């Protein structure tokens, strides 16, 4: 990596990682809560529908939180979701998928106290790839809560190959601790253990900058790109998620 690229990454990360970023990003929704389990539920659910147009994502997050009566934890524990009518939440994510996820979260909260409690109980932080280990454990809990059925619209099932973009985004919100955009309410994982939430735009920007040679946006690409960024900032590699997002947006708007 050249000095020019490093300087660009640091400059853009500092510019985008600011309070102004929150208003147009789905991170705004978990930030509206103070109780840990509300924050966890809102983070996982809003990240789950965070693909596509950001304006649409935020509109649908707002509506989804409304379905949960803006009390995610209480709504989940009271099983309010069982009376949800058929409907669409966001693109190919429907109320039936939301119910599936909420049943699983109820099981997690009942058994472990919180999602962070699940992380601690299952030794997720000791795994080589904590995000994928957490996805495995969450999938198991969701499956158990839904009569043995899995749902790939809640969490990916192909953990050997998935980039796990949406869960990695939720983990950035929950674990990064600078207190600017990300909330950093968990101590069970360290920011140094996080991985870049890799989508098409972040992947293309990374390739344009010479940070990623792999063509597929898969798990291996996430590992390779995060290793590059970890070399710059070992304690906080996903800081540069802001830079890659910002550079990509600027490039798209100037084409």
C-alpha atoms as a PDB file:
ATOM      1  CA  UNK A   1       0.000   0.000   0.000  1.00  0.00           C
ATOM      2  CA  UNK A   2       1.396   3.394  -0.968  1.00  0.00           C
ATOM      3  CA  UNK A   3       1.629   6.354   1.383  1.00  0.00           C
ATOM      4  CA  UNK A   4      -0.855   8.231  -0.811  1.00  0.00           C
ATOM      5  CA  UNK A   5      -3.448   5.469  -0.418  1.00  0.00           C
ATOM      6  CA  UNK A   6      -2.866   5.306   3.326  1.00  0.00           C
ATOM      7  CA  UNK A   7      -3.289   9.065   3.624  1.00  0.00           C
ATOM      8  CA  UNK A   8      -6.465   8.947   1.540  1.00  0.00           C
ATOM      9  CA  UNK A   9      -7.911   6.196   3.735  1.00  0.00           C
ATOM     10  CA  UNK A  10      -7.120   8.038   6.950  1.00  0.00           C
ATOM     11  CA  UNK A  11      -8.476  11.354   5.649  1.00  0.00           C
ATOM     12  CA  UNK A  12     -11.717   9.856   4.381  1.00  0.00           C
ATOM     13  CA  UNK A  13     -12.203   7.778   7.532  1.00  0.00           C
ATOM     14  CA  UNK A  14     -11.876  10.908   9.668  1.00  0.00           C
ATOM     15  CA  UNK A  15     -14.279  12.819   7.422  1.00  0.00           C
ATOM     16  CA  UNK A  16     -17.028  10.183   7.343  1.00  0.00           C
ATOM     17  CA  UNK A  17     -16.715   8.891  10.918  1.00  0.00           C
ATOM     18  CA  UNK A  18     -18.538  11.918  12.279  1.00  0.00           C
ATOM     19  CA  UNK A  19     -21.882  12.653  13.956  1.00  0.00           C
ATOM     20  CA  UNK A  20     -23.254  13.905  10.627  1.00  0.00           C
ATOM     21  CA  UNK A  21     -23.004  10.368   9.215  1.00  0.00           C
ATOM     22  CA  UNK A  22     -25.689   9.060  11.563  1.00  0.00           C
ATOM     23  CA  UNK A  23     -28.714  10.889  10.156  1.00  0.00           C
ATOM     24  CA  UNK A  24     -28.695   9.086   6.794  1.00  0.00           C
ATOM     25  CA  UNK A  25     -27.544   5.674   7.982  1.00  0.00           C
ATOM     26  CA  UNK A  26     -29.438   2.765   9.582  1.00  0.00           C
ATOM     27  CA  UNK A  27     -27.112   3.012  12.606  1.00  0.00           C
ATOM     28  CA  UNK A  28     -29.438   5.820  13.724  1.00  0.00           C
ATOM     29  CA  UNK A  29     -32.044   3.273  14.842  1.00  0.00           C
ATOM     30  CA  UNK A  30     -30.094   1.255  17.439  1.00  0.00           C
ATOM     31  CA  UNK A  31     -28.638   4.562  18.628  1.00  0.00           C
ATOM     32  CA  UNK A  32     -32.143   5.621  19.719  1.00  0.00           C
ATOM     33  CA  UNK A  33     -32.124   3.024  22.516  1.00  0.00           C
ATOM     34  CA  UNK A  34     -30.185   2.857  25.758  1.00  0.00           C
ATOM     35  CA  UNK A  35     -31.042  -0.610  27.139  1.00  0.00           C
ATOM     36  CA  UNK A  36     -28.544  -3.170  25.864  1.00  0.00           C
ATOM     37  CA  UNK A  37     -31.034  -5.735  24.581  1.00  0.00           C
ATOM     38  CA  UNK A  38     -33.000  -3.066  22.721  1.00  0.00           C
ATOM     39  CA  UNK A  39     -29.759  -1.929  21.095  1.00  0.00           C
ATOM     40  CA  UNK A  40     -28.776  -5.510  20.203  1.00  0.00           C
ATOM     41  CA  UNK A  41     -32.140  -6.338  18.665  1.00  0.00           C
ATOM     42  CA  UNK A  42     -32.313  -3.087  16.700  1.00  0.00           C
ATOM     43  CA  UNK A  43     -28.728  -3.528  15.490  1.00  0.00           C
ATOM     44  CA  UNK A  44     -29.206  -7.077  14.251  1.00  0.00           C
ATOM     45  CA  UNK A  45     -32.582  -6.394  12.658  1.00  0.00           C
ATOM     46  CA  UNK A  46     -31.688  -3.103  10.979  1.00  0.00           C
ATOM     47  CA  UNK A  47     -28.411  -4.519   9.671  1.00  0.00           C
ATOM     48  CA  UNK A  48     -30.350  -7.501   8.319  1.00  0.00           C
ATOM     49  CA  UNK A  49     -32.302  -5.267   5.940  1.00  0.00           C
ATOM     50  CA  UNK A  50     -29.358  -2.968   5.146  1.00  0.00           C
ATOM     51  CA  UNK A  51     -28.967  -3.659   1.451  1.00  0.00           C
ATOM     52  CA  UNK A  52     -29.971  -1.482  -1.475  1.00  0.00           C
ATOM     53  CA  UNK A  53     -30.848   2.213  -1.422  1.00  0.00           C
ATOM     54  CA  UNK A  54     -30.007   3.857   1.935  1.00  0.00           C
ATOM     55  CA  UNK A  55     -33.114   6.055   1.915  1.00  0.00           C
ATOM     56  CA  UNK A  56     -35.302   2.983   1.439  1.00  0.00           C
ATOM     57  CA  UNK A  57     -33.355   1.060   4.087  1.00  0.00           C
ATOM     58  CA  UNK A  58     -33.874   3.811   6.663  1.00  0.00           C
ATOM     59  CA  UNK A  59     -37.558   4.186   5.786  1.00  0.00           C
ATOM     60  CA  UNK A  60     -38.086   0.449   6.219  1.00  0.00           C
ATOM     61  CA  UNK A  61     -36.054   0.319   9.440  1.00  0.00           C
ATOM     62  CA  UNK A  62     -38.313   3.031  10.810  1.00  0.00           C
ATOM     63  CA  UNK A  63     -41.378   1.025   9.862  1.00  0.00           C
ATOM     64  CA  UNK A  64     -39.922  -2.200  11.264  1.00  0.00           C
ATOM     65  CA  UNK A  65     -39.156  -0.561  14.606  1.00  0.00           C
ATOM     66  CA  UNK A  66     -42.743   0.690  14.560  1.00  0.00           C
ATOM     67  CA  UNK A  67     -43.952  -2.885  14.205  1.00  0.00           C
ATOM     68  CA  UNK A  68     -41.946  -3.646  17.350  1.00  0.00           C
ATOM     69  CA  UNK A  69     -43.668  -0.693  19.050  1.00  0.00           C
ATOM     70  CA  UNK A  70     -40.255   0.951  19.551  1.00  0.00           C
ATOM     71  CA  UNK A  71     -39.677  -1.468  22.427  1.00  0.00           C
ATOM     72  CA  UNK A  72     -37.802  -4.322  20.735  1.00  0.00           C
ATOM     73  CA  UNK A  73     -36.849  -6.301  23.820  1.00  0.00           C
ATOM     74  CA  UNK A  74     -40.278  -6.099  25.489  1.00  0.00           C
ATOM     75  CA  UNK A  75     -42.035  -6.845  22.207  1.00  0.00           C
ATOM     76  CA  UNK A  76     -39.845  -9.905  21.634  1.00  0.00           C
ATOM     77  CA  UNK A  77     -40.248 -11.288  25.147  1.00  0.00           C
ATOM     78  CA  UNK A  78     -44.031 -10.748  25.029  1.00  0.00           C
ATOM     79  CA  UNK A  79     -44.120 -12.649  21.708  1.00  0.00           C
ATOM     80  CA  UNK A  80     -45.985  -9.788  20.075  1.00  0.00           C
ATOM     81  CA  UNK A  81     -44.635 -10.911  16.723  1.00  0.00           C
ATOM     82  CA  UNK A  82     -46.950 -13.935  16.660  1.00  0.00           C
ATOM     83  CA  UNK A  83     -49.882 -11.682  15.743  1.00  0.00           C
ATOM     84  CA  UNK A  84     -48.092  -9.865  12.926  1.00  0.00           C
ATOM     85  CA  UNK A  85     -50.097 -10.100   9.701  1.00  0.00           C
ATOM     86  CA  UNK A  86     -48.506 -11.042   6.405  1.00  0.00           C
ATOM     87  CA  UNK A  87     -46.554  -8.177   4.927  1.00  0.00           C
ATOM     88  CA  UNK A  88     -43.295  -6.940   3.498  1.00  0.00           C
ATOM     89  CA  UNK A  89     -40.504  -5.430   5.589  1.00  0.00           C
ATOM     90  CA  UNK A  90     -37.828  -4.723   2.977  1.00  0.00           C
ATOM     91  CA  UNK A  91     -37.424  -6.087  -0.521  1.00  0.00           C
ATOM     92  CA  UNK A  92     -37.281  -9.893  -0.120  1.00  0.00           C
ATOM     93  CA  UNK A  93     -37.494  -9.782   3.698  1.00  0.00           C
ATOM     94  CA  UNK A  94     -41.075 -10.313   4.874  1.00  0.00           C
ATOM     95  CA  UNK A  95     -42.957 -10.365   8.150  1.00  0.00           C
ATOM     96  CA  UNK A  96     -42.602 -14.163   8.142  1.00  0.00           C
ATOM     97  CA  UNK A  97     -38.802 -13.758   8.106  1.00  0.00           C
ATOM     98  CA  UNK A  98     -39.000 -11.130  10.830  1.00  0.00           C
ATOM     99  CA  UNK A  99     -41.054 -13.512  12.998  1.00  0.00           C
ATOM    100  CA  UNK A 100     -38.419 -16.214  12.456  1.00  0.00           C
ATOM    101  CA  UNK A 101     -35.649 -13.890  13.646  1.00  0.00           C
ATOM    102  CA  UNK A 102     -37.637 -12.596  16.614  1.00  0.00           C
ATOM    103  CA  UNK A 103     -38.418 -16.120  17.834  1.00  0.00           C
ATOM    104  CA  UNK A 104     -34.704 -16.830  17.768  1.00  0.00           C
ATOM    105  CA  UNK A 105     -33.825 -13.627  19.598  1.00  0.00           C
ATOM    106  CA  UNK A 106     -36.397 -14.446  22.272  1.00  0.00           C
ATOM    107  CA  UNK A 107     -34.681 -17.788  22.802  1.00  0.00           C
ATOM    108  CA  UNK A 108     -31.276 -16.073  23.039  1.00  0.00           C
ATOM    109  CA  UNK A 109     -32.502 -13.472  25.515  1.00  0.00           C
ATOM    110  CA  UNK A 110     -34.254 -16.104  27.642  1.00  0.00           C
ATOM    111  CA  UNK A 111     -31.258 -18.451  27.728  1.00  0.00           C
ATOM    112  CA  UNK A 112     -28.288 -16.051  27.836  1.00  0.00           C
ATOM    113  CA  UNK A 113     -29.688 -12.715  29.008  1.00  0.00           C
ATOM    114  CA  UNK A 114     -28.424 -10.893  25.943  1.00  0.00           C
ATOM    115  CA  UNK A 115     -26.760 -11.545  22.602  1.00  0.00           C
ATOM    116  CA  UNK A 116     -23.481 -10.577  24.223  1.00  0.00           C
ATOM    117  CA  UNK A 117     -24.247 -13.251  26.819  1.00  0.00           C
ATOM    118  CA  UNK A 118     -24.444 -15.775  23.977  1.00  0.00           C
ATOM    119  CA  UNK A 119     -21.073 -14.540  22.702  1.00  0.00           C
ATOM    120  CA  UNK A 120     -19.525 -15.111  26.123  1.00  0.00           C
ATOM    121  CA  UNK A 121     -21.205 -18.454  26.775  1.00  0.00           C
ATOM    122  CA  UNK A 122     -20.113 -19.924  23.443  1.00  0.00           C
ATOM    123  CA  UNK A 123     -16.554 -18.585  23.559  1.00  0.00           C
ATOM    124  CA  UNK A 124     -17.039 -16.675  20.314  1.00  0.00           C
ATOM    125  CA  UNK A 125     -14.145 -14.302  21.080  1.00  0.00           C
ATOM    126  CA  UNK A 126     -11.753 -17.251  21.232  1.00  0.00           C
ATOM    127  CA  UNK A 127     -12.582 -18.379  17.685  1.00  0.00           C
ATOM    128  CA  UNK A 128     -10.340 -17.479  14.752  1.00  0.00           C
ATOM    129  CA  UNK A 129     -13.230 -15.710  12.977  1.00  0.00           C
ATOM    130  CA  UNK A 130     -15.636 -14.452  15.661  1.00  0.00           C
ATOM    131  CA  UNK A 131     -18.243 -13.018  13.268  1.00  0.00           C
ATOM    132  CA  UNK A 132     -18.739 -16.358  11.536  1.00  0.00           C
ATOM    133  CA  UNK A 133     -18.730 -18.164  14.881  1.00  0.00           C
ATOM    134  CA  UNK A 134     -21.501 -15.854  16.094  1.00  0.00           C
ATOM    135  CA  UNK A 135     -23.463 -16.450  12.876  1.00  0.00           C
ATOM    136  CA  UNK A 136     -23.185 -20.197  13.501  1.00  0.00           C
ATOM    137  CA  UNK A 137     -24.480 -19.850  17.055  1.00  0.00           C
ATOM    138  CA  UNK A 138     -27.283 -17.469  16.092  1.00  0.00           C
ATOM    139  CA  UNK A 139     -28.340 -19.777  13.269  1.00  0.00           C
ATOM    140  CA  UNK A 140     -28.500 -22.625  15.745  1.00  0.00           C
ATOM    141  CA  UNK A 141     -30.679 -20.628  18.145  1.00  0.00           C
ATOM    142  CA  UNK A 142     -32.994 -19.416  15.370  1.00  0.00           C
ATOM    143  CA  UNK A 143     -33.339 -22.936  14.048  1.00  0.00           C
ATOM    144  CA  UNK A 144     -34.177 -24.338  17.493  1.00  0.00           C
ATOM    145  CA  UNK A 145     -36.772 -21.616  18.044  1.00  0.00           C
ATOM    146  CA  UNK A 146     -38.467 -22.358  14.716  1.00  0.00           C
ATOM    147  CA  UNK A 147     -39.033 -26.119  14.887  1.00  0.00           C
ATOM    148  CA  UNK A 148     -35.715 -26.955  13.273  1.00  0.00           C
ATOM    149  CA  UNK A 149     -36.183 -24.661  10.257  1.00  0.00           C
ATOM    150  CA  UNK A 150     -33.409 -22.397   8.998  1.00  0.00           C
ATOM    151  CA  UNK A 151     -33.960 -19.092   7.194  1.00  0.00           C
ATOM    152  CA  UNK A 152     -31.216 -17.687   4.992  1.00  0.00           C
ATOM    153  CA  UNK A 153     -33.019 -14.347   4.784  1.00  0.00           C
ATOM    154  CA  UNK A 154     -32.293 -13.839   8.477  1.00  0.00           C
ATOM    155  CA  UNK A 155     -28.680 -15.014   8.446  1.00  0.00           C
ATOM    156  CA  UNK A 156     -26.574 -16.698   5.752  1.00  0.00           C
ATOM    157  CA  UNK A 157     -26.276 -20.460   5.988  1.00  0.00           C
ATOM    158  CA  UNK A 158     -23.197 -20.864   3.766  1.00  0.00           C
ATOM    159  CA  UNK A 159     -20.730 -19.780   6.419  1.00  0.00           C
ATOM    160  CA  UNK A 160     -17.670 -21.147   4.648  1.00  0.00           C
ATOM    161  CA  UNK A 161     -18.151 -18.728   1.757  1.00  0.00           C
ATOM    162  CA  UNK A 162     -20.425 -15.834   2.788  1.00  0.00           C
ATOM    163  CA  UNK A 163     -18.979 -12.354   3.239  1.00  0.00           C
ATOM    164  CA  UNK A 164     -21.431 -11.954   6.148  1.00  0.00           C
ATOM    165  CA  UNK A 165     -21.763  -8.277   5.314  1.00  0.00           C
ATOM    166  CA  UNK A 166     -24.835  -7.485   7.371  1.00  0.00           C
ATOM    167  CA  UNK A 167     -23.720  -9.209  10.574  1.00  0.00           C
ATOM    168  CA  UNK A 168     -20.272  -7.640  10.246  1.00  0.00           C
ATOM    169  CA  UNK A 169     -22.013  -4.262   9.998  1.00  0.00           C
ATOM    170  CA  UNK A 170     -24.041  -4.935  13.157  1.00  0.00           C
ATOM    171  CA  UNK A 171     -20.865  -5.997  14.955  1.00  0.00           C
ATOM    172  CA  UNK A 172     -19.128  -2.775  13.925  1.00  0.00           C
ATOM    173  CA  UNK A 173     -21.982  -0.859  15.525  1.00  0.00           C
ATOM    174  CA  UNK A 174     -21.905  -2.945  18.707  1.00  0.00           C
ATOM    175  CA  UNK A 175     -18.146  -3.289  19.203  1.00  0.00           C
ATOM    176  CA  UNK A 176     -16.258  -0.230  17.876  1.00  0.00           C
ATOM    177  CA  UNK A 177     -15.741   2.099  20.834  1.00  0.00           C
ATOM    178  CA  UNK A 178     -14.814   5.575  19.626  1.00  0.00           C
ATOM    179  CA  UNK A 179     -18.347   6.755  20.417  1.00  0.00           C
ATOM    180  CA  UNK A 180     -18.750   8.842  17.270  1.00  0.00           C
ATOM    181  CA  UNK A 181     -21.023   6.732  15.061  1.00  0.00           C
ATOM    182  CA  UNK A 182     -20.617   3.200  16.392  1.00  0.00           C
ATOM    183  CA  UNK A 183     -21.960   2.520  19.871  1.00  0.00           C
ATOM    184  CA  UNK A 184     -19.383   0.106  21.285  1.00  0.00           C
ATOM    185  CA  UNK A 185     -21.619  -1.313  24.007  1.00  0.00           C
ATOM    186  CA  UNK A 186     -20.016  -4.780  23.973  1.00  0.00           C
ATOM    187  CA  UNK A 187     -16.831  -5.780  25.762  1.00  0.00           C
ATOM    188  CA  UNK A 188     -17.028  -9.491  24.893  1.00  0.00           C
ATOM    189  CA  UNK A 189     -15.369  -8.770  21.537  1.00  0.00           C
ATOM    190  CA  UNK A 190     -12.552  -6.364  20.756  1.00  0.00           C
ATOM    191  CA  UNK A 191     -12.564  -3.938  17.789  1.00  0.00           C
ATOM    192  CA  UNK A 192      -9.362  -5.616  16.575  1.00  0.00           C
ATOM    193  CA  UNK A 193     -11.435  -8.775  15.919  1.00  0.00           C
ATOM    194  CA  UNK A 194     -13.899  -7.106  13.549  1.00  0.00           C
ATOM    195  CA  UNK A 195     -14.121  -7.613   9.786  1.00  0.00           C
ATOM    196  CA  UNK A 196     -15.030  -5.204   7.006  1.00  0.00           C
ATOM    197  CA  UNK A 197     -18.717  -5.331   5.982  1.00  0.00           C
ATOM    198  CA  UNK A 198     -18.027  -6.096   2.332  1.00  0.00           C
ATOM    199  CA  UNK A 199     -20.644  -5.189  -0.261  1.00  0.00           C
ATOM    200  CA  UNK A 200     -20.334  -4.590  -4.007  1.00  0.00           C
ATOM    201  CA  UNK A 201     -19.397  -0.910  -3.675  1.00  0.00           C
ATOM    202  CA  UNK A 202     -16.830  -1.391  -0.897  1.00  0.00           C
ATOM    203  CA  UNK A 203     -15.317  -4.295  -2.843  1.00  0.00           C
ATOM    204  CA  UNK A 204     -15.052  -2.277  -6.046  1.00  0.00           C
ATOM    205  CA  UNK A 205     -13.490   0.670  -4.225  1.00  0.00           C
ATOM    206  CA  UNK A 206     -10.956  -1.617  -2.538  1.00  0.00           C
ATOM    207  CA  UNK A 207     -10.015  -3.105  -5.919  1.00  0.00           C
ATOM    208  CA  UNK A 208      -9.682   0.330  -7.513  1.00  0.00           C
ATOM    209  CA  UNK A 209      -7.269   1.298  -4.715  1.00  0.00           C
ATOM    210  CA  UNK A 210      -5.235  -1.886  -5.105  1.00  0.00           C
ATOM    211  CA  UNK A 211      -6.261  -3.188  -1.672  1.00  0.00           C
ATOM    212  CA  UNK A 212      -8.032  -6.296  -2.943  1.00  0.00           C
ATOM    213  CA  UNK A 213      -7.136  -8.544  -5.844  1.00  0.00           C
ATOM    214  CA  UNK A 214      -9.808 -11.178  -5.384  1.00  0.00           C
ATOM    215  CA  UNK A 215     -12.750 -10.725  -7.739  1.00  0.00           C
ATOM    216  CA  UNK A 216     -15.461 -12.402  -5.650  1.00  0.00           C
ATOM    217  CA  UNK A 217     -17.099 -10.612  -2.729  1.00  0.00           C
ATOM    218  CA  UNK A 218     -16.899 -13.663  -0.480  1.00  0.00           C
ATOM    219  CA  UNK A 219     -15.495 -14.617   2.904  1.00  0.00           C
ATOM    220  CA  UNK A 220     -11.958 -14.943   1.585  1.00  0.00           C
ATOM    221  CA  UNK A 221     -12.159 -11.448   0.114  1.00  0.00           C
ATOM    222  CA  UNK A 222     -13.313 -10.083   3.482  1.00  0.00           C
ATOM    223  CA  UNK A 223     -10.401 -11.789   5.212  1.00  0.00           C
ATOM    224  CA  UNK A 224      -7.904 -10.482   2.651  1.00  0.00           C
ATOM    225  CA  UNK A 225      -9.172  -6.891   2.722  1.00  0.00           C
ATOM    226  CA  UNK A 226      -9.429  -6.802   6.504  1.00  0.00           C
ATOM    227  CA  UNK A 227      -5.850  -8.087   6.768  1.00  0.00           C
ATOM    228  CA  UNK A 228      -4.688  -5.176   4.583  1.00  0.00           C
ATOM    229  CA  UNK A 229      -6.512  -2.667   6.770  1.00  0.00           C
ATOM    230  CA  UNK A 230      -5.447  -4.369   9.990  1.00  0.00           C
ATOM    231  CA  UNK A 231      -1.856  -3.763   8.936  1.00  0.00           C
ATOM    232  CA  UNK A 232      -2.636  -0.023   8.989  1.00  0.00           C
ATOM    233  CA  UNK A 233      -4.620  -0.034  12.226  1.00  0.00           C
ATOM    234  CA  UNK A 234      -4.268  -3.337  14.118  1.00  0.00           C
ATOM    235  CA  UNK A 235      -6.548  -2.290  16.953  1.00  0.00           C
ATOM    236  CA  UNK A 236      -9.337  -0.904  14.755  1.00  0.00           C
ATOM    237  CA  UNK A 237      -9.336  -2.150  11.143  1.00  0.00           C
ATOM    238  CA  UNK A 238     -13.006  -1.417  10.456  1.00  0.00           C
ATOM    239  CA  UNK A 239     -12.412   2.305  10.957  1.00  0.00           C
ATOM    240  CA  UNK A 240     -11.567   2.214   7.253  1.00  0.00           C
ATOM    241  CA  UNK A 241     -15.027   0.959   6.358  1.00  0.00           C
ATOM    242  CA  UNK A 242     -15.973   4.650   6.477  1.00  0.00           C
ATOM    243  CA  UNK A 243     -13.164   5.526   4.076  1.00  0.00           C
ATOM    244  CA  UNK A 244     -14.076   2.845   1.536  1.00  0.00           C
ATOM    245  CA  UNK A 245     -17.734   3.845   1.718  1.00  0.00           C
ATOM    246  CA  UNK A 246     -16.951   7.549   1.304  1.00  0.00           C
ATOM    247  CA  UNK A 247     -14.488   7.107  -1.549  1.00  0.00           C
ATOM    248  CA  UNK A 248     -16.961   4.842  -3.325  1.00  0.00           C
ATOM    249  CA  UNK A 249     -19.833   7.329  -2.977  1.00  0.00           C
ATOM    250  CA  UNK A 250     -17.644  10.162  -4.295  1.00  0.00           C
ATOM    251  CA  UNK A 251     -16.525   8.045  -7.252  1.00  0.00           C
ATOM    252  CA  UNK A 252     -20.102   7.099  -8.140  1.00  0.00           C
ATOM    253  CA  UNK A 253     -21.286  10.701  -7.988  1.00  0.00           C
ATOM    254  CA  UNK A 254     -18.482  11.969 -10.238  1.00  0.00           C
ATOM    255  CA  UNK A 255     -18.988   9.401 -13.007  1.00  0.00           C
END
